């Protein structure tokens, strides 16, 4: 491994270590890698032709919506960045996948 590729490798490792220290940062990093141009529905592959919106708790209700849950306006299904990946249905946190 030459010096320039080793430095690039070290930079990627540093970015991963910083990102995976916090769950929200890790999710955002994974989203930026998987969807560099915005979320794409893994169920129907809608890339924005119909609205894709991030779900949030409604008003004063006590319902909790996890961060990173999206709703597809085309197929009307919910999804996260991990749907369709090896991380789907894993109960292991992002920080423990490093």
N, C-alpha and C. Protein backbone atom coordinates (compact mmCIF):
# COMPACT_ATOMS: atom_id res chain seq x y z
N UNK A 1 0.85 -1.16 0.00
CA UNK A 1 0.00 0.00 0.00
C UNK A 1 0.90 1.23 0.00
N UNK A 2 0.70 2.11 -1.00
CA UNK A 2 1.52 3.30 -1.05
C UNK A 2 1.02 4.34 -0.05
N UNK A 3 1.80 5.39 0.14
CA UNK A 3 1.52 6.39 1.17
C UNK A 3 0.21 7.12 0.94
N UNK A 4 -0.10 7.48 -0.31
CA UNK A 4 -1.32 8.24 -0.58
C UNK A 4 -2.57 7.40 -0.34
N UNK A 5 -2.53 6.13 -0.72
CA UNK A 5 -3.70 5.28 -0.48
C UNK A 5 -3.84 4.96 1.01
N UNK A 6 -2.72 4.88 1.72
CA UNK A 6 -2.77 4.65 3.16
C UNK A 6 -3.39 5.84 3.88
N UNK A 7 -3.05 7.05 3.45
CA UNK A 7 -3.62 8.25 4.05
C UNK A 7 -5.12 8.34 3.76
N UNK A 8 -5.53 7.96 2.56
CA UNK A 8 -6.95 7.97 2.21
C UNK A 8 -7.70 6.95 3.07
N UNK A 9 -7.10 5.78 3.26
CA UNK A 9 -7.68 4.73 4.09
C UNK A 9 -7.83 5.21 5.53
N UNK A 10 -6.80 5.87 6.05
CA UNK A 10 -6.84 6.39 7.41
C UNK A 10 -7.91 7.48 7.55
N UNK A 11 -8.08 8.29 6.51
CA UNK A 11 -9.10 9.34 6.54
C UNK A 11 -10.50 8.73 6.60
N UNK A 12 -10.72 7.66 5.85
CA UNK A 12 -12.02 6.98 5.87
C UNK A 12 -12.25 6.36 7.24
N UNK A 13 -11.23 5.74 7.81
CA UNK A 13 -11.37 5.15 9.15
C UNK A 13 -11.67 6.21 10.19
N UNK A 14 -11.03 7.37 10.07
CA UNK A 14 -11.28 8.46 11.01
C UNK A 14 -12.72 8.95 10.87
N UNK A 15 -13.20 9.09 9.63
CA UNK A 15 -14.58 9.52 9.40
C UNK A 15 -15.57 8.52 9.99
N UNK A 16 -15.30 7.24 9.81
CA UNK A 16 -16.18 6.21 10.37
C UNK A 16 -16.18 6.24 11.89
N UNK A 17 -15.02 6.38 12.49
CA UNK A 17 -14.94 6.40 13.95
C UNK A 17 -15.70 7.59 14.53
N UNK A 18 -15.57 8.75 13.88
CA UNK A 18 -16.29 9.94 14.35
C UNK A 18 -17.79 9.78 14.14
N UNK A 19 -18.17 9.20 13.02
CA UNK A 19 -19.59 9.08 12.69
C UNK A 19 -20.29 8.02 13.53
N UNK A 20 -19.65 6.91 13.75
CA UNK A 20 -20.32 5.82 14.46
C UNK A 20 -20.30 5.98 15.97
N UNK A 21 -19.74 7.05 16.47
CA UNK A 21 -19.77 7.30 17.90
C UNK A 21 -21.14 7.75 18.39
N UNK A 22 -22.00 8.20 17.48
CA UNK A 22 -23.31 8.73 17.81
C UNK A 22 -24.32 8.13 16.82
N UNK A 23 -25.43 7.62 17.30
CA UNK A 23 -26.40 6.93 16.44
C UNK A 23 -26.97 7.84 15.35
N UNK A 24 -27.30 9.07 15.69
CA UNK A 24 -27.87 9.99 14.70
C UNK A 24 -26.84 10.30 13.61
N UNK A 25 -25.59 10.51 14.00
CA UNK A 25 -24.53 10.77 13.02
C UNK A 25 -24.31 9.55 12.13
N UNK A 26 -24.33 8.37 12.72
CA UNK A 26 -24.11 7.14 11.96
C UNK A 26 -25.22 6.96 10.92
N UNK A 27 -26.46 7.22 11.33
CA UNK A 27 -27.59 7.09 10.41
C UNK A 27 -27.47 8.09 9.27
N UNK A 28 -27.12 9.33 9.59
CA UNK A 28 -26.95 10.36 8.55
C UNK A 28 -25.83 9.99 7.58
N UNK A 29 -24.73 9.45 8.09
CA UNK A 29 -23.63 9.04 7.23
C UNK A 29 -24.08 7.90 6.30
N UNK A 30 -24.77 6.92 6.85
CA UNK A 30 -25.26 5.81 6.04
C UNK A 30 -26.24 6.31 4.98
N UNK A 31 -27.10 7.25 5.36
CA UNK A 31 -28.04 7.82 4.38
C UNK A 31 -27.30 8.56 3.27
N UNK A 32 -26.24 9.29 3.62
CA UNK A 32 -25.49 10.02 2.59
C UNK A 32 -24.76 9.08 1.64
N UNK A 33 -24.32 7.93 2.14
CA UNK A 33 -23.66 6.94 1.28
C UNK A 33 -24.68 6.22 0.40
N UNK A 34 -25.80 5.85 0.98
CA UNK A 34 -26.78 5.07 0.22
C UNK A 34 -27.60 5.94 -0.71
N UNK A 35 -27.94 7.14 -0.27
CA UNK A 35 -28.78 8.05 -1.04
C UNK A 35 -28.11 9.40 -1.21
N UNK A 36 -27.08 9.54 -2.03
CA UNK A 36 -26.39 10.82 -2.16
C UNK A 36 -27.28 11.93 -2.73
N UNK A 37 -28.35 11.58 -3.43
CA UNK A 37 -29.25 12.58 -4.02
C UNK A 37 -30.62 12.59 -3.36
N UNK A 38 -30.70 12.13 -2.13
CA UNK A 38 -31.97 12.09 -1.41
C UNK A 38 -32.52 10.68 -1.33
N UNK A 39 -33.48 10.45 -0.42
CA UNK A 39 -33.99 9.09 -0.20
C UNK A 39 -34.69 8.49 -1.41
N UNK A 40 -34.52 7.19 -1.56
CA UNK A 40 -35.19 6.41 -2.61
C UNK A 40 -35.90 5.26 -1.91
N UNK A 41 -37.17 5.08 -2.22
CA UNK A 41 -37.95 4.02 -1.58
C UNK A 41 -37.41 2.65 -1.99
N UNK A 42 -37.04 1.80 -1.03
CA UNK A 42 -36.52 0.47 -1.39
C UNK A 42 -37.63 -0.48 -1.82
N UNK A 43 -38.88 -0.12 -1.60
CA UNK A 43 -39.99 -0.99 -1.96
C UNK A 43 -40.41 -0.80 -3.42
N UNK A 44 -40.61 0.46 -3.84
CA UNK A 44 -41.09 0.72 -5.21
C UNK A 44 -40.08 1.50 -6.05
N UNK A 45 -38.95 1.86 -5.48
CA UNK A 45 -37.86 2.59 -6.15
C UNK A 45 -38.25 4.00 -6.56
N UNK A 46 -39.23 4.58 -5.88
CA UNK A 46 -39.61 5.97 -6.09
C UNK A 46 -38.44 6.85 -5.65
N UNK A 47 -37.95 7.67 -6.58
CA UNK A 47 -36.82 8.54 -6.26
C UNK A 47 -37.23 10.00 -6.19
N UNK A 48 -38.50 10.24 -5.93
CA UNK A 48 -38.95 11.62 -5.79
C UNK A 48 -40.03 12.00 -6.78
N UNK A 49 -40.44 11.07 -7.65
CA UNK A 49 -41.53 11.37 -8.57
C UNK A 49 -42.79 11.69 -7.76
N UNK A 50 -43.02 10.93 -6.71
CA UNK A 50 -44.06 11.21 -5.72
C UNK A 50 -43.31 11.62 -4.45
N UNK A 51 -43.92 12.42 -3.59
CA UNK A 51 -43.20 12.91 -2.41
C UNK A 51 -42.73 11.80 -1.47
N UNK A 52 -41.53 11.97 -0.96
CA UNK A 52 -41.00 11.12 0.10
C UNK A 52 -40.76 12.06 1.27
N UNK A 53 -41.37 11.76 2.40
CA UNK A 53 -41.25 12.66 3.55
C UNK A 53 -40.76 11.93 4.78
N UNK A 54 -40.02 12.65 5.60
CA UNK A 54 -39.57 12.12 6.89
C UNK A 54 -40.74 12.19 7.85
N UNK A 55 -40.99 11.12 8.58
CA UNK A 55 -42.09 11.10 9.53
C UNK A 55 -41.68 11.79 10.82
N UNK A 56 -42.61 12.51 11.40
CA UNK A 56 -42.39 13.20 12.67
C UNK A 56 -43.62 13.02 13.52
N UNK A 57 -43.47 13.14 14.84
CA UNK A 57 -44.60 13.04 15.75
C UNK A 57 -45.59 14.16 15.45
N UNK A 58 -46.88 13.85 15.50
CA UNK A 58 -47.93 14.82 15.20
C UNK A 58 -48.36 15.59 16.43
N UNK A 59 -48.24 16.90 16.41
CA UNK A 59 -48.74 17.79 17.44
C UNK A 59 -48.33 17.40 18.85
N UNK A 60 -49.32 17.43 19.77
CA UNK A 60 -49.06 17.18 21.18
C UNK A 60 -49.20 15.71 21.55
N UNK A 61 -49.34 14.84 20.57
CA UNK A 61 -49.50 13.42 20.87
C UNK A 61 -48.21 12.87 21.46
N UNK A 62 -48.34 11.84 22.19
CA UNK A 62 -47.17 11.21 22.82
C UNK A 62 -46.60 10.09 21.95
N UNK A 63 -47.13 9.93 20.73
CA UNK A 63 -46.61 8.88 19.87
C UNK A 63 -45.17 9.19 19.50
N UNK A 64 -44.36 8.19 19.56
CA UNK A 64 -42.95 8.35 19.24
C UNK A 64 -42.69 7.80 17.84
N UNK A 65 -42.06 8.58 17.04
CA UNK A 65 -41.63 8.14 15.72
C UNK A 65 -40.11 8.14 15.74
N UNK A 66 -39.51 7.02 15.39
CA UNK A 66 -38.06 6.92 15.37
C UNK A 66 -37.48 7.89 14.35
N UNK A 67 -36.30 8.38 14.64
CA UNK A 67 -35.60 9.22 13.67
C UNK A 67 -35.22 8.36 12.47
N UNK A 68 -35.27 8.96 11.30
CA UNK A 68 -34.84 8.26 10.09
C UNK A 68 -35.92 7.43 9.43
N UNK A 69 -37.18 7.57 9.85
CA UNK A 69 -38.27 6.84 9.20
C UNK A 69 -38.86 7.75 8.13
N UNK A 70 -38.99 7.21 6.92
CA UNK A 70 -39.52 7.94 5.79
C UNK A 70 -40.82 7.32 5.33
N UNK A 71 -41.64 8.11 4.65
CA UNK A 71 -42.91 7.65 4.10
C UNK A 71 -42.90 7.92 2.60
N UNK A 72 -43.18 6.90 1.81
CA UNK A 72 -43.19 7.02 0.35
C UNK A 72 -44.61 7.37 -0.11
N UNK A 73 -44.75 8.43 -0.88
CA UNK A 73 -46.04 8.84 -1.40
C UNK A 73 -46.53 7.97 -2.54
N UNK A 74 -45.65 7.20 -3.17
CA UNK A 74 -46.05 6.35 -4.28
C UNK A 74 -46.67 5.04 -3.80
N UNK A 75 -45.94 4.30 -2.97
CA UNK A 75 -46.44 2.99 -2.50
C UNK A 75 -47.05 3.08 -1.10
N UNK A 76 -46.91 4.25 -0.45
CA UNK A 76 -47.49 4.53 0.86
C UNK A 76 -46.95 3.61 1.95
N UNK A 77 -45.68 3.26 1.84
CA UNK A 77 -45.03 2.41 2.85
C UNK A 77 -43.95 3.20 3.56
N UNK A 78 -43.65 2.77 4.78
CA UNK A 78 -42.57 3.38 5.55
C UNK A 78 -41.28 2.62 5.32
N UNK A 79 -40.16 3.33 5.45
CA UNK A 79 -38.86 2.68 5.30
C UNK A 79 -37.79 3.48 6.01
N UNK A 80 -36.66 2.84 6.25
CA UNK A 80 -35.47 3.50 6.79
C UNK A 80 -34.30 3.18 5.88
N UNK A 81 -33.16 3.74 6.17
CA UNK A 81 -31.98 3.54 5.34
C UNK A 81 -31.51 2.08 5.37
N UNK A 82 -31.87 1.33 6.40
CA UNK A 82 -31.38 -0.05 6.51
C UNK A 82 -32.23 -1.06 5.75
N UNK A 83 -33.43 -0.68 5.30
CA UNK A 83 -34.30 -1.61 4.58
C UNK A 83 -33.60 -2.07 3.31
N UNK A 84 -33.55 -3.38 3.12
CA UNK A 84 -32.90 -3.95 1.94
C UNK A 84 -31.40 -4.13 2.09
N UNK A 85 -30.88 -3.95 3.30
CA UNK A 85 -29.44 -4.13 3.54
C UNK A 85 -29.24 -5.22 4.59
N UNK A 86 -28.00 -5.56 4.84
CA UNK A 86 -27.67 -6.55 5.86
C UNK A 86 -28.05 -6.03 7.26
N UNK A 87 -28.20 -4.73 7.41
CA UNK A 87 -28.55 -4.14 8.70
C UNK A 87 -30.05 -4.21 9.00
N UNK A 88 -30.86 -4.54 8.00
CA UNK A 88 -32.31 -4.58 8.20
C UNK A 88 -32.67 -5.62 9.26
N UNK A 89 -33.57 -5.26 10.13
CA UNK A 89 -34.07 -6.11 11.22
C UNK A 89 -33.00 -6.48 12.25
N UNK A 90 -31.88 -5.83 12.19
CA UNK A 90 -30.84 -6.06 13.18
C UNK A 90 -31.16 -5.23 14.41
N UNK A 91 -30.97 -5.80 15.56
CA UNK A 91 -31.19 -5.08 16.80
C UNK A 91 -29.88 -4.51 17.33
N UNK A 92 -28.83 -4.63 16.54
CA UNK A 92 -27.53 -4.09 16.90
C UNK A 92 -27.49 -2.63 16.48
N UNK A 93 -27.04 -1.76 17.35
CA UNK A 93 -26.97 -0.34 17.03
C UNK A 93 -25.90 -0.07 15.98
N UNK A 94 -26.02 1.07 15.30
CA UNK A 94 -25.02 1.43 14.29
C UNK A 94 -23.62 1.47 14.88
N UNK A 95 -23.50 2.00 16.09
CA UNK A 95 -22.17 2.14 16.70
C UNK A 95 -21.53 0.79 16.98
N UNK A 96 -22.30 -0.27 17.12
CA UNK A 96 -21.74 -1.59 17.35
C UNK A 96 -21.42 -2.35 16.06
N UNK A 97 -21.80 -1.82 14.91
CA UNK A 97 -21.50 -2.47 13.63
C UNK A 97 -20.10 -2.14 13.13
N UNK A 98 -19.36 -1.28 13.82
CA UNK A 98 -18.05 -0.89 13.31
C UNK A 98 -17.05 -2.00 13.38
